[in-house]
Structure formats: C-alpha cells, structure tokens
Amino acid sequence: MMPKKVGVTKKISTQIVPVVGMTRSVELELLSTMKKLGIVRSESYNKLGSINHWGLDWKKAIPEVKSFRTPDSLGLPAKIMDWTVNDVAKAITAQQAACTDAVIKKIYRRFSGKDNQNTRKELCKQLKTLAFLDKPLLHRLVRKEFQRGHSWVKNQIVYQQVGYKCKRLSRNYYQLELAGLKRGKRNKIIVRSNQKIKGQIRLIYNQNLERFEVHFLVDHGTVDIPGNRRAIGIDKGYTEAFYDSDGQAHGKDLGKVATKKSDRICTKNRNRGKLWALHRKLEKIDPAKSAQILKNNLSRKTENRRYRKNQSEIRGIIGAASKSLFHVESLKVFAVRVAWPTASDLTQPIRNKRQSKAMSRKLNSWMKGEMRDSLRKWANWTGSVVIEVQPSYTSQVDSVTGTLLGKRSGDSFTRFDGVVLQADHNAAKNILTRGTDKEISRYMNKTEVQAVLLRRTARFLKGMGLSLADAVELGWLDSKHEQNSGFQGTPGRDTRKVQID
C-alpha cells in the first residue's frame, strides 16, 4: 500500500555564477548604476522600514517612494528603480513576518492553556494590522522584537525577466544582455553557468573576490509530502555535526576541521600582534621599515582568502551531514535550537583563563546558524519537517529509564548500574522522546523541566525502595538537583503532588 500524500513542495536553491567577460565601459556603467540604486535602497528602507508602514503590500511600495524620489533625479530608468523598490519592500515584509512569528511565540508562552485560547486568538488577529498600536502589551512586544531596517548596500542591481535576454554561447557559457541607462541600449556580459538563466536575477559586485556575480533561483522540481513521516531525534555536536537516534553519526570531521581552523587563526593573530607592536615602535624611529611591515606583513588579503576557504570546507561538511541525515527520505526530525559541543576536550572543567579563552574561541568558530539553515534546506528538499524541542537536560537523562540517574563525561554516559552508553546517541534518543512528551512543552523553563524529571526519577526509585536522597548518597544523582523544589521524592510520599516554583 502506497503512503498517503498530503502535499507537494518545491526544491529551490540559489545558484551563483561568475561573470567572466565584459567591456570596461559596461563595467563602469554597472558600478555607477549600483551606486545610484544604493541611494534608492537606503531611502526606501528609511521610508518603509518603520512601524507606520506595518503590513504594507509590497506592490504598493513604489508610489510611496516616488512621492519624494523620482527616477529622473538620479538618471535611472523607471523600471530598474521600481525593481529595487519592490525588492526592498519584500525584504521588509519578510522582516515583519519574522517579528510577528517571534511575538506570537511570546504570546503563547505568556497566555498558555485552554482558558486563554480566545485571548491568544484575539491578540494574534490584532498583530496582522496596525490595531496592535492601541494595545500596550502588543506594542511593547513588537517594539522590542522589531528592528527597523537600514541599508548601506550599493553593490547590486535587480533585474526581472523583461529586463534582460539570455543567449547560449557554448556548453557552459551564456551571454546576458542587461537593460542599461539609455533606452534601447543593452549591456552585454558573459557568465559561466551550467544552465540557462531565467526569472529574477541579482547582479552583485563581490568586493572580497573583486568580481561580478549573478544570483538566481533554480527550480529542481517537486517532491511529494507523505502523511506519515518516520520520526527521529538528532543531537547537534562539535565532534560530529549530527548524531541521530538510530545511532548514526553524520559529519564526523567537523570537530577536527573547526579546531584546526581556530588554532591556525589564534597562532596567526598572536604573531600579527607582535608585528603590530613592532610597526608602532618603528613609526618614529624608522618610518620606511614601519611602512614596509604594514604593507607586506599586516594586510588581510591572503588571510581573508584562507578564512573563506576554511568556512567553505566547514559548510561543505555540514551540508554533506544534512544530506546524509535525510537520505532522500521524508522525516519528522526533532532537534534543539541551541546545541552544546560534545568534544571531550571541551567538556572538561575550565581550570584556568587560557583554557577558558580557547574554549570560547572554538565555540565561536562553530557554525550553529549554518547547521540550522542546512537542516531546514534539506528538510524542504525531502518533504521533511524539523521540530524544535525543549533542550534542558536532554544530555543528562538516561534514555533507557527516562530519569536523571547517571553521569555524562565527554562522549560517554554512565548509567546508575554501570552500563556505559554513547553520550550523543543517548542525547539523540532523549530528544526524540522529548518531541512527544506531554508533560514537557517547548517553552517550559529549565527549573520546571528539572522538577518534572525529578518526579519521574523519584517514582522510579520508589519501585526500588529508595529515595532521591539515597540516590545522591550512592552517587547516582547529581547533588545540584537538591536545590530544586521537586527534590521531595521519598518512598512514603506521593511525588506527583510536589508543587513547581
């Protein structure tokens, strides 16, 4: 029997292709156009980025901007300016949608339970219009969450399909004829691409690589979304990118590559610090040598190129790990938003300041945001869904018993009976269980989660004729849990009646 289908999703990705050929006159005109459009982009953000334009339809943004800035004032064609204004309006709309989503989560956290269902519904309805301005609570939440946008971007031009023509020259080369500043005149550029360019494109001058690039969306077809997805839990890590509840590790080289990159940058910057000190010392004594050091030894061009190469390598490992995780299968993935590195050298107590700095440095090089974005991309491509769960104590719970009896040390989790489990696998299984846990919700705080787990631990110990205090004395339970109000479990007391602070 075939699985039931509940929908279809598109497989879309952004492709970046380099510009490999253009004349000097075309280059100067494109740079000049980008600079003028930078003014349009900046003024559009200043005009439309306030709360007064909340919920503005992006199709109605052009008259708002043209009321004070006309294309003739900058010598721009009306269409090229309109495309930039629409692009800004869409970006602001996306920002407002993200703010609305964050505020709705705060509303559900503040007004939880069935009794407040009507209140939640009314507040969420008011968020869609400017009616929230008259509600002090909503107004405060939006003001706190919404960051007014500003733009200093002056290195890109947006073209719609009617603004250019694409002609194939050879197998991997295409010629684009772009709308110019003069009517009827097109700017010809040659790009290296493996497929024909169509739809909206974005011509960007990459200042780091000192080249022009064309960014466009590629449609790779569709994928059917099944009604019943297989559920798994994943633990994000540092040694490995992901460890799933099936016991498979994905992205095993992430920790080695990230640590190597971090150590190289640290050593490089220490040596650069010495050169900077020497440069400042020689500024008055020997200006010529000081200038020579500044020119030949303290530039960032080579280091920036090496840094981008390192970042690309890490991004490739994370992408391959995400692809390996989904394996062209529609899944229901339970994960935590904030993960903690699981490398053994980072889980030991911090003994001194230098070790603390080294740990912080390695954590900063850990691409948490890239891991989250990569998961979402491959989830969309495979018709999967990623659900975030409450992360507290997922790595400290025994996945076999669901209790706090046990201890984690590096990549090992030792149960109360002496059996050793793989720590990341144990955490992934806990995350999977947490995804369907009726008692622990996504927005519970750490103390409430701790109290729930202590009640379960007390019930488990009661069946063995022991209490939580006995478990602490035996070394099964960490003594830090004694500070929680849920630490009341004794054989003669019903721990389910314990109140949570």
Protein backbone atom coordinates (compact mmCIF):
# COMPACT_ATOMS: atom_id res chain seq x y z
CA MET A 1 0.00 0.00 0.00
CA MET A 2 1.40 3.38 -1.03
CA PRO A 3 1.80 6.02 1.72
CA LYS A 4 -0.80 8.76 1.70
CA LYS A 5 0.33 12.11 0.21
CA VAL A 6 -0.66 15.34 1.93
CA GLY A 7 1.01 17.89 -0.37
CA VAL A 8 3.85 18.85 -2.67
CA THR A 9 6.86 21.10 -2.01
CA LYS A 10 9.26 22.72 -4.48
CA LYS A 11 13.00 22.04 -4.46
CA ILE A 12 14.51 25.50 -4.96
CA SER A 13 18.08 26.70 -4.44
CA THR A 14 20.06 29.85 -5.17
CA GLN A 15 22.81 29.47 -7.76
CA ILE A 16 25.74 31.88 -8.01
CA VAL A 17 27.58 32.13 -11.33
CA PRO A 18 30.60 34.37 -12.02
CA VAL A 19 30.80 37.00 -14.76
CA VAL A 20 33.84 36.14 -16.90
CA GLY A 21 33.62 38.74 -19.63
CA MET A 22 32.59 42.39 -20.07
CA THR A 23 34.00 45.58 -21.55
CA ARG A 24 35.41 48.39 -19.42
CA SER A 25 32.60 50.77 -20.41
CA VAL A 26 29.96 48.23 -19.34
CA GLU A 27 31.75 47.70 -16.02
CA LEU A 28 31.82 51.46 -15.29
CA GLU A 29 28.13 51.83 -16.17
CA LEU A 30 27.12 48.91 -13.95
CA LEU A 31 29.11 50.25 -10.99
CA SER A 32 27.57 53.70 -11.49
CA THR A 33 24.07 52.19 -11.63
CA MET A 34 24.74 50.21 -8.45
CA LYS A 35 25.80 53.37 -6.65
CA LYS A 36 22.63 55.21 -7.70
CA LEU A 37 20.44 52.28 -6.72
CA GLY A 38 22.19 52.28 -3.34
CA ILE A 39 20.59 55.68 -2.73
CA VAL A 40 17.17 54.32 -3.74
CA ARG A 41 17.62 51.28 -1.49
CA SER A 42 18.69 53.39 1.51
CA GLU A 43 15.82 55.89 1.16
CA SER A 44 13.28 53.10 0.61
CA TYR A 45 14.35 51.41 3.85
CA ASN A 46 14.14 54.71 5.73
CA LYS A 47 10.65 55.37 4.37
CA LEU A 48 9.10 51.89 4.54
CA GLY A 49 11.04 50.38 7.44
CA SER A 50 9.05 52.00 10.25
CA ILE A 51 6.12 50.51 12.13
CA ASN A 52 3.82 53.08 10.48
CA HIS A 53 4.12 51.05 7.27
CA TRP A 54 3.44 47.75 9.04
CA GLY A 55 1.63 45.30 6.77
CA LEU A 56 2.19 47.37 3.61
CA ASP A 57 1.62 45.42 0.38
CA TRP A 58 4.94 45.37 -1.49
CA LYS A 59 3.08 46.06 -4.73
CA LYS A 60 2.01 49.46 -3.33
CA ALA A 61 5.52 50.50 -2.22
CA ILE A 62 6.52 52.23 -5.47
CA PRO A 63 4.13 55.25 -5.15
CA GLU A 64 5.26 55.75 -1.54
CA VAL A 65 8.92 56.05 -2.58
CA LYS A 66 8.30 58.02 -5.78
CA SER A 67 6.48 60.67 -3.77
CA PHE A 68 9.89 62.01 -2.73
CA ARG A 69 12.39 60.30 -5.06
CA THR A 70 11.88 60.19 -8.83
CA PRO A 71 13.98 58.16 -11.29
CA ASP A 72 14.90 61.32 -13.26
CA SER A 73 16.58 62.84 -10.20
CA LEU A 74 19.19 60.06 -10.35
CA GLY A 75 19.19 59.47 -14.09
CA LEU A 76 17.74 55.98 -13.70
CA PRO A 77 15.20 54.14 -15.87
CA ALA A 78 11.86 53.82 -14.07
CA LYS A 79 11.77 50.02 -14.35
CA ILE A 80 15.21 49.45 -12.78
CA MET A 81 14.30 51.73 -9.88
CA ASP A 82 10.90 50.02 -9.44
CA TRP A 83 12.52 46.57 -9.25
CA THR A 84 14.84 47.78 -6.47
CA VAL A 85 11.96 49.34 -4.50
CA ASN A 86 9.97 46.10 -4.77
CA ASP A 87 13.00 44.13 -3.59
CA VAL A 88 13.31 46.37 -0.52
CA ALA A 89 9.58 46.11 0.22
CA LYS A 90 9.73 42.30 0.05
CA ALA A 91 12.70 42.26 2.44
CA ILE A 92 10.82 44.47 4.91
CA THR A 93 7.74 42.25 4.62
CA ALA A 94 9.85 39.20 5.42
CA GLN A 95 11.34 41.01 8.42
CA GLN A 96 7.86 41.90 9.69
CA ALA A 97 6.74 38.28 9.25
CA ALA A 98 9.71 37.07 11.30
CA CYS A 99 8.87 39.62 14.01
CA THR A 100 5.22 38.53 14.02
CA ASP A 101 6.25 34.89 14.39
CA ALA A 102 8.51 35.73 17.35
CA VAL A 103 5.78 37.81 19.05
CA ILE A 104 3.20 35.03 18.57
CA LYS A 105 5.56 32.61 20.33
CA LYS A 106 5.81 35.06 23.26
CA ILE A 107 2.01 35.38 23.35
CA TYR A 108 1.57 31.59 23.52
CA ARG A 109 4.19 31.42 26.25
CA ARG A 110 2.54 34.21 28.27
CA PHE A 111 -1.07 33.06 27.77
CA SER A 112 -0.80 29.28 27.81
CA GLY A 113 -3.55 26.74 28.39
CA LYS A 114 -7.07 26.28 27.03
CA ASP A 115 -8.51 29.02 29.28
CA ASN A 116 -6.55 31.69 27.38
CA GLN A 117 -7.33 30.37 23.90
CA ASN A 118 -9.63 33.27 22.99
CA THR A 119 -7.13 35.81 24.31
CA ARG A 120 -4.35 34.32 22.17
CA LYS A 121 -6.57 34.29 19.10
CA GLU A 122 -7.57 37.94 19.54
CA LEU A 123 -4.01 39.15 20.11
CA CYS A 124 -2.71 37.25 17.07
CA LYS A 125 -5.51 38.73 14.96
CA GLN A 126 -4.60 42.28 16.02
CA LEU A 127 -0.97 41.66 15.05
CA LYS A 128 -1.95 41.49 11.36
CA THR A 129 -3.00 45.17 11.30
CA LEU A 130 -1.97 48.40 12.97
CA ALA A 131 -4.55 47.71 15.70
CA PHE A 132 -1.70 46.45 17.90
CA LEU A 133 -0.54 50.06 18.34
CA ASP A 134 -3.51 50.65 20.68
CA LYS A 135 -2.63 47.60 22.79
CA PRO A 136 0.23 48.44 25.21
CA LEU A 137 1.28 44.79 25.57
CA LEU A 138 1.43 44.08 21.84
CA HIS A 139 3.01 47.44 21.10
CA ARG A 140 5.76 46.77 23.63
CA LEU A 141 6.43 43.24 22.34
CA VAL A 142 6.64 44.42 18.72
CA ARG A 143 8.88 47.37 19.59
CA LYS A 144 11.20 45.05 21.48
CA GLU A 145 11.35 42.45 18.71
CA PHE A 146 11.19 44.59 15.54
CA GLN A 147 14.45 46.19 14.48
CA ARG A 148 13.92 48.98 11.99
CA GLY A 149 15.85 48.21 8.84
CA HIS A 150 18.51 50.41 7.26
CA SER A 151 20.56 49.68 4.18
CA TRP A 152 24.05 50.61 3.06
CA VAL A 153 24.03 48.15 0.15
CA LYS A 154 25.27 49.74 -3.06
CA ASN A 155 26.72 46.82 -4.98
CA GLN A 156 23.73 45.13 -6.63
CA ILE A 157 21.09 45.51 -9.33
CA VAL A 158 17.84 43.54 -9.53
CA TYR A 159 16.51 42.58 -12.97
CA GLN A 160 13.17 40.99 -13.77
CA GLN A 161 12.75 38.63 -16.74
CA VAL A 162 11.83 41.52 -19.09
CA GLY A 163 15.00 43.37 -18.16
CA TYR A 164 17.47 41.01 -19.81
CA LYS A 165 17.95 38.38 -22.50
CA CYS A 166 19.95 35.17 -22.10
CA LYS A 167 21.74 33.63 -25.10
CA ARG A 168 23.76 30.41 -25.05
CA LEU A 169 27.30 30.68 -26.44
CA SER A 170 28.65 27.22 -25.64
CA ARG A 171 28.15 24.36 -23.21
CA ASN A 172 28.97 26.32 -20.04
CA TYR A 173 28.87 29.95 -21.21
CA TYR A 174 25.92 32.29 -21.67
CA GLN A 175 25.62 35.91 -22.76
CA LEU A 176 23.31 38.23 -20.85
CA GLU A 177 22.01 41.45 -22.41
CA LEU A 178 21.05 43.67 -19.47
CA ALA A 179 18.86 46.78 -19.58
CA GLY A 180 21.07 49.89 -19.44
CA LEU A 181 20.68 53.53 -18.53
CA LYS A 182 19.80 54.53 -22.09
CA ARG A 183 16.64 53.34 -23.81
CA GLY A 184 17.32 50.61 -26.35
CA LYS A 185 20.93 50.08 -25.24
CA ARG A 186 21.81 46.78 -23.57
CA ASN A 187 24.92 45.91 -21.60
CA LYS A 188 26.40 42.59 -22.70
CA ILE A 189 28.18 40.34 -20.18
CA ILE A 190 29.35 36.71 -20.36
CA VAL A 191 28.74 34.32 -17.44
CA ARG A 192 29.91 30.79 -16.75
CA SER A 193 26.89 28.64 -15.96
CA ASN A 194 25.76 25.05 -16.49
CA GLN A 195 22.17 26.02 -17.25
CA LYS A 196 20.17 28.79 -18.85
CA ILE A 197 19.40 31.75 -16.59
CA LYS A 198 15.76 32.79 -16.23
CA GLY A 199 13.45 34.54 -13.79
CA GLN A 200 14.51 37.35 -11.48
CA ILE A 201 18.27 37.77 -11.24
CA ARG A 202 20.53 39.82 -8.99
CA LEU A 203 23.80 41.21 -10.35
CA ILE A 204 26.22 41.70 -7.44
CA TYR A 205 29.75 43.06 -7.29
CA ASN A 206 31.59 40.86 -4.78
CA GLN A 207 34.13 43.16 -3.12
CA ASN A 208 36.01 40.32 -1.43
CA LEU A 209 36.60 38.40 -4.66
CA GLU A 210 36.65 41.59 -6.78
CA ARG A 211 34.31 40.18 -9.40
CA PHE A 212 30.73 40.43 -10.65
CA GLU A 213 28.30 37.58 -9.88
CA VAL A 214 24.79 36.70 -10.98
CA HIS A 215 22.48 35.20 -8.35
CA PHE A 216 19.28 33.44 -9.45
CA LEU A 217 16.86 30.75 -8.25
CA VAL A 218 16.93 27.26 -9.74
CA ASP A 219 13.86 25.02 -9.63
CA HIS A 220 14.88 21.35 -9.25
CA GLY A 221 11.34 20.01 -9.44
CA THR A 222 8.94 18.95 -6.70
CA VAL A 223 8.76 16.30 -4.01
CA ASP A 224 5.65 14.67 -2.56
CA ILE A 225 5.00 15.13 1.16
CA PRO A 226 3.82 11.87 2.80
CA GLY A 227 1.22 11.85 5.53
CA ASN A 228 3.19 9.64 7.93
CA ARG A 229 6.85 10.60 8.32
CA ARG A 230 9.30 8.48 10.30
CA ALA A 231 10.37 10.32 13.48
CA ILE A 232 14.00 10.62 14.58
CA GLY A 233 15.86 12.76 17.09
CA ILE A 234 19.21 14.45 16.40
CA ASP A 235 21.87 15.82 18.70
CA LYS A 236 23.92 18.68 17.25
CA GLY A 237 27.56 18.47 18.23
CA TYR A 238 31.10 19.70 17.71
CA THR A 239 32.97 16.42 17.22
CA GLU A 240 30.26 15.32 14.77
CA ALA A 241 27.76 17.66 13.16
CA PHE A 242 24.75 15.44 13.95
CA TYR A 243 24.15 12.20 15.84
CA ASP A 244 20.74 10.64 15.26
CA SER A 245 18.61 8.41 17.48
CA ASP A 246 19.32 5.45 15.18
CA GLY A 247 22.96 5.55 16.30
CA GLN A 248 24.45 7.06 13.12
CA ALA A 249 27.00 9.92 13.19
CA HIS A 250 26.94 12.49 10.38
CA GLY A 251 29.76 14.95 9.63
CA LYS A 252 32.46 13.21 11.66
CA ASP A 253 35.30 15.56 10.60
CA LEU A 254 33.59 18.77 11.76
CA GLY A 255 35.42 18.98 15.11
CA LYS A 256 38.87 18.36 13.61
CA VAL A 257 38.43 20.91 10.82
CA ALA A 258 36.91 23.57 13.09
CA THR A 259 39.62 23.13 15.77
CA LYS A 260 42.40 23.24 13.16
CA LYS A 261 40.96 26.44 11.71
CA SER A 262 40.54 28.02 15.15
CA ASP A 263 44.08 27.15 16.26
CA ARG A 264 45.54 28.46 12.99
CA ILE A 265 43.75 31.79 13.36
CA CYS A 266 44.82 32.08 17.00
CA THR A 267 48.50 31.48 16.18
CA LYS A 268 48.34 33.83 13.21
CA ASN A 269 46.79 36.65 15.22
CA ARG A 270 49.33 36.29 18.03
CA ASN A 271 52.14 36.72 15.52
CA ARG A 272 50.32 39.64 13.91
CA GLY A 273 50.06 41.27 17.32
CA LYS A 274 53.84 41.19 17.66
CA LEU A 275 54.21 42.71 14.18
CA TRP A 276 51.72 45.45 15.02
CA ALA A 277 53.73 46.29 18.13
CA LEU A 278 56.94 46.40 16.05
CA HIS A 279 55.24 48.56 13.43
CA ARG A 280 54.09 51.11 16.03
CA LYS A 281 57.54 51.11 17.63
CA LEU A 282 59.29 51.84 14.30
CA GLU A 283 56.85 54.55 13.18
CA LYS A 284 59.06 57.29 14.64
CA ILE A 285 62.46 55.55 14.57
CA ASP A 286 62.38 54.06 11.04
CA PRO A 287 59.25 55.16 9.11
CA ALA A 288 60.35 53.37 5.90
CA LYS A 289 60.66 49.97 7.60
CA SER A 290 57.42 50.57 9.51
CA ALA A 291 55.57 51.26 6.24
CA GLN A 292 57.15 48.16 4.67
CA ILE A 293 55.90 45.96 7.53
CA LEU A 294 52.43 47.48 7.25
CA LYS A 295 52.30 46.88 3.50
CA ASN A 296 53.85 43.40 3.24
CA ASN A 297 53.08 41.69 6.55
CA LEU A 298 49.91 43.20 8.01
CA SER A 299 47.45 43.09 5.12
CA ARG A 300 44.35 40.88 5.28
CA LYS A 301 44.04 39.79 1.66
CA THR A 302 45.71 36.38 1.98
CA GLU A 303 44.18 35.66 5.39
CA ASN A 304 40.68 36.56 4.19
CA ARG A 305 41.06 34.17 1.26
CA ARG A 306 42.22 31.40 3.60
CA TYR A 307 39.38 32.14 6.03
CA ARG A 308 36.78 31.89 3.25
CA LYS A 309 38.32 28.58 2.20
CA ASN A 310 38.04 27.26 5.77
CA GLN A 311 34.44 28.41 6.08
CA SER A 312 33.57 26.75 2.77
CA GLU A 313 35.13 23.50 3.97
CA ILE A 314 33.10 23.55 7.19
CA ARG A 315 29.95 24.49 5.28
CA GLY A 316 30.56 21.56 2.94
CA ILE A 317 30.89 19.13 5.86
CA ILE A 318 27.65 20.40 7.42
CA GLY A 319 25.82 20.21 4.08
CA ALA A 320 27.02 16.65 3.47
CA ALA A 321 25.98 15.71 7.03
CA SER A 322 22.46 17.09 6.48
CA LYS A 323 22.16 15.25 3.16
CA SER A 324 23.33 12.03 4.81
CA LEU A 325 20.82 12.50 7.64
CA PHE A 326 17.74 12.81 5.43
CA HIS A 327 19.00 10.40 2.74
CA VAL A 328 16.19 11.41 0.34
CA GLU A 329 13.58 10.35 2.90
CA SER A 330 10.73 12.36 4.37
CA LEU A 331 11.30 12.52 8.13
CA LYS A 332 9.94 14.18 11.22
CA VAL A 333 13.14 15.47 12.85
CA PHE A 334 13.21 16.56 16.48
CA ALA A 335 16.13 18.85 17.36
CA VAL A 336 17.16 21.51 19.86
CA ARG A 337 17.70 25.12 18.81
CA VAL A 338 20.85 25.66 20.88
CA ALA A 339 23.34 22.80 20.96
CA TRP A 340 26.48 22.31 23.03
CA PRO A 341 29.73 20.88 21.67
CA THR A 342 30.41 17.28 22.66
CA ALA A 343 34.13 17.07 22.06
CA SER A 344 35.87 15.59 25.09
CA ASP A 345 38.44 18.39 25.21
CA LEU A 346 35.64 20.94 25.59
CA THR A 347 33.58 19.19 28.26
CA GLN A 348 36.22 19.17 30.99
CA PRO A 349 36.12 21.75 33.80
CA ILE A 350 37.76 25.07 32.95
CA ARG A 351 40.95 25.15 35.01
CA ASN A 352 42.41 28.50 34.02
CA LYS A 353 41.78 31.63 31.99
CA ARG A 354 43.75 30.47 28.94
CA GLN A 355 41.72 27.27 28.65
CA SER A 356 38.52 29.33 29.01
CA LYS A 357 39.62 31.57 26.13
CA ALA A 358 40.49 28.57 23.97
CA MET A 359 37.07 27.05 24.62
CA SER A 360 35.30 30.32 23.77
CA ARG A 361 37.34 30.64 20.58
CA LYS A 362 36.38 27.16 19.38
CA LEU A 363 32.72 27.74 20.17
CA ASN A 364 32.75 30.97 18.16
CA SER A 365 34.04 29.07 15.13
CA TRP A 366 31.21 26.56 15.45
CA MET A 367 28.68 27.39 12.75
CA LYS A 368 25.47 26.88 14.69
CA GLY A 369 23.41 29.04 12.33
CA GLU A 370 24.78 27.21 9.30
CA MET A 371 23.75 23.87 10.83
CA ARG A 372 20.20 25.10 11.42
CA ASP A 373 19.89 26.55 7.89
CA SER A 374 21.32 23.40 6.32
CA LEU A 375 18.79 21.24 8.17
CA ARG A 376 15.91 23.42 7.00
CA LYS A 377 17.12 23.36 3.39
CA TRP A 378 17.34 19.58 3.20
CA ALA A 379 14.08 19.22 5.11
CA ASN A 380 12.35 21.32 2.43
CA TRP A 381 14.02 19.32 -0.34
CA THR A 382 12.85 15.98 1.04
CA GLY A 383 9.39 16.98 2.28
CA SER A 384 10.53 16.62 5.88
CA VAL A 385 9.82 18.79 8.89
CA VAL A 386 12.18 19.95 11.68
CA ILE A 387 10.56 20.46 15.10
CA GLU A 388 12.47 22.17 17.91
CA VAL A 389 12.04 20.78 21.43
CA GLN A 390 12.87 21.95 24.95
CA PRO A 391 16.63 21.32 25.29
CA SER A 392 17.09 21.27 29.08
CA TYR A 393 18.73 18.09 30.48
CA THR A 394 18.48 16.16 27.18
CA SER A 395 22.13 15.14 27.56
CA GLN A 396 21.84 14.32 31.30
CA VAL A 397 18.84 11.98 31.20
CA ASP A 398 19.21 8.20 30.95
CA SER A 399 17.37 7.33 27.73
CA VAL A 400 16.63 3.79 28.99
CA THR A 401 14.77 4.79 32.17
CA GLY A 402 13.95 8.45 31.42
CA THR A 403 15.45 9.53 34.76
CA LEU A 404 18.33 11.70 35.94
CA LEU A 405 20.22 8.69 37.27
CA GLY A 406 23.60 8.69 35.55
CA LYS A 407 26.51 10.90 34.63
CA ARG A 408 27.88 12.22 31.37
CA SER A 409 31.61 12.59 30.82
CA GLY A 410 32.80 13.59 27.36
CA ASP A 411 31.46 11.15 24.78
CA SER A 412 30.31 8.60 27.40
CA PHE A 413 27.19 8.42 29.55
CA THR A 414 27.44 6.07 32.54
CA ARG A 415 24.12 4.74 33.83
CA PHE A 416 23.46 4.15 37.53
CA ASP A 417 24.01 0.40 37.05
CA GLY A 418 27.46 0.95 35.46
CA VAL A 419 26.43 0.39 31.82
CA VAL A 420 28.16 2.92 29.52
CA LEU A 421 26.26 4.48 26.59
CA GLN A 422 27.46 6.69 23.74
CA ALA A 423 26.61 10.17 25.05
CA ASP A 424 25.48 11.69 21.76
CA HIS A 425 23.32 8.68 20.87
CA ASN A 426 21.78 8.83 24.35
CA ALA A 427 21.03 12.55 23.92
CA ALA A 428 19.50 12.00 20.46
CA LYS A 429 17.14 9.35 21.88
CA ASN A 430 16.16 11.73 24.67
CA ILE A 431 15.41 14.47 22.12
CA LEU A 432 13.21 12.04 20.18
CA THR A 433 11.31 11.19 23.37
CA ARG A 434 11.07 14.89 24.30
CA GLY A 435 9.34 15.58 20.97
CA THR A 436 6.26 13.59 22.04
CA ASP A 437 6.45 14.34 25.78
CA LYS A 438 3.07 15.60 27.04
CA GLU A 439 4.43 16.97 30.33
CA ILE A 440 7.38 18.98 28.98
CA SER A 441 6.35 21.66 26.49
CA ARG A 442 8.61 23.66 24.16
CA TYR A 443 8.52 26.85 26.25
CA MET A 444 8.90 25.46 29.77
CA ASN A 445 11.83 26.90 31.68
CA LYS A 446 14.75 24.87 32.94
CA THR A 447 13.53 24.71 36.55
CA GLU A 448 10.13 23.32 35.57
CA VAL A 449 11.73 20.66 33.36
CA GLN A 450 14.06 19.72 36.22
CA ALA A 451 11.11 19.32 38.59
CA VAL A 452 9.27 17.05 36.14
CA LEU A 453 12.34 14.86 35.68
CA LEU A 454 12.91 14.67 39.43
CA ARG A 455 9.34 13.46 39.93
CA ARG A 456 9.91 10.70 37.38
CA THR A 457 13.22 9.81 38.99
CA ALA A 458 11.55 9.63 42.42
CA ARG A 459 8.83 7.29 41.09
CA PHE A 460 11.47 5.04 39.53
CA LEU A 461 13.47 4.92 42.78
CA LYS A 462 10.31 4.27 44.80
CA GLY A 463 9.89 0.99 42.96
CA MET A 464 13.38 0.04 44.19
CA GLY A 465 12.61 1.12 47.75
CA LEU A 466 14.91 4.17 47.54
CA SER A 467 14.53 7.96 47.68
CA LEU A 468 16.20 10.84 45.84
CA ALA A 469 18.43 11.45 48.87
CA ASP A 470 19.56 7.80 48.73
CA ALA A 471 20.40 8.22 45.04
CA VAL A 472 22.60 11.26 45.86
CA GLU A 473 24.44 9.28 48.55
CA LEU A 474 25.00 6.37 46.15
CA GLY A 475 26.42 8.76 43.54
CA TRP A 476 23.64 8.03 41.03
CA LEU A 477 22.13 11.53 41.14
CA ASP A 478 23.98 14.85 40.94
CA SER A 479 23.75 16.84 44.18
CA LYS A 480 22.93 20.03 42.26
CA HIS A 481 19.33 18.80 41.96
CA GLU A 482 18.84 19.22 45.72
CA GLN A 483 18.24 22.95 45.15
CA ASN A 484 15.08 22.27 43.14
CA SER A 485 11.67 22.16 44.85
CA GLY A 486 10.99 18.85 43.11
CA PHE A 487 13.64 17.19 45.29
CA GLN A 488 11.00 15.77 47.63
CA GLY A 489 10.80 12.17 46.45
CA THR A 490 10.73 9.68 49.31
CA PRO A 491 9.19 6.17 49.41
CA GLY A 492 6.44 7.35 51.75
CA ARG A 493 5.41 10.47 49.78
CA ASP A 494 3.48 10.84 46.51
CA THR A 495 5.89 12.94 44.48
CA ARG A 496 3.21 13.84 41.92
CA LYS A 497 1.80 16.38 44.41
CA VAL A 498 5.02 18.38 44.58
CA GLN A 499 4.49 21.97 43.52
CA ILE A 500 6.81 23.63 40.97
CA ASP A 501 8.24 27.04 41.80
